[in-house]
């Protein structure tokens, strides 16, 4: 069980802080809830998660795991699907899973597609661009939290580490 002040990952929203733990009765008896605040969006609404639905939450990765994840990003499996409807469903499932390796695959795939399209003076579709931004947000928030660096510095940190490994 998490305690007040713990940083956790809520699959759909990224890194959150357990703000409080309260019992509420919405007509089906008393249920204990975690009240979560998204860590990087102080203006966001609190999220209520029943304590017994712990499968929706997980611990933030360790510093060592964060560095391994950064190293994994450029090697991550390509998950491009030509059919846009099927691709949208796949990307949506990846986002909802909260699986950091699958999110890295999505980031790597869409980054490579963005570069490929750019050579032909094309752009990612709005759907793909939004998926890329959301996946990157989820992964970068967790990396920033694990490495205790600012979210603003995370992109440079990730790019520098990847570029240094490629030399």
Foldseek 3Di string as FASTA:
>chain_A
DDAAQAWKQQLQQAIWGQHHWDWDCPPPDTFIWGFIDRPVDNPDHTDTDTPVVCQRIGHQDALVVLLVLLQCLLVQAADDDPDPVVVLVVLVVLSNNSPLSSLSNLLNNLVVVQVVQVVVVHGDDPSSVVSNVSSCVNSLSSNCVNVVHDSVCSVVVSVVSNVVVVD
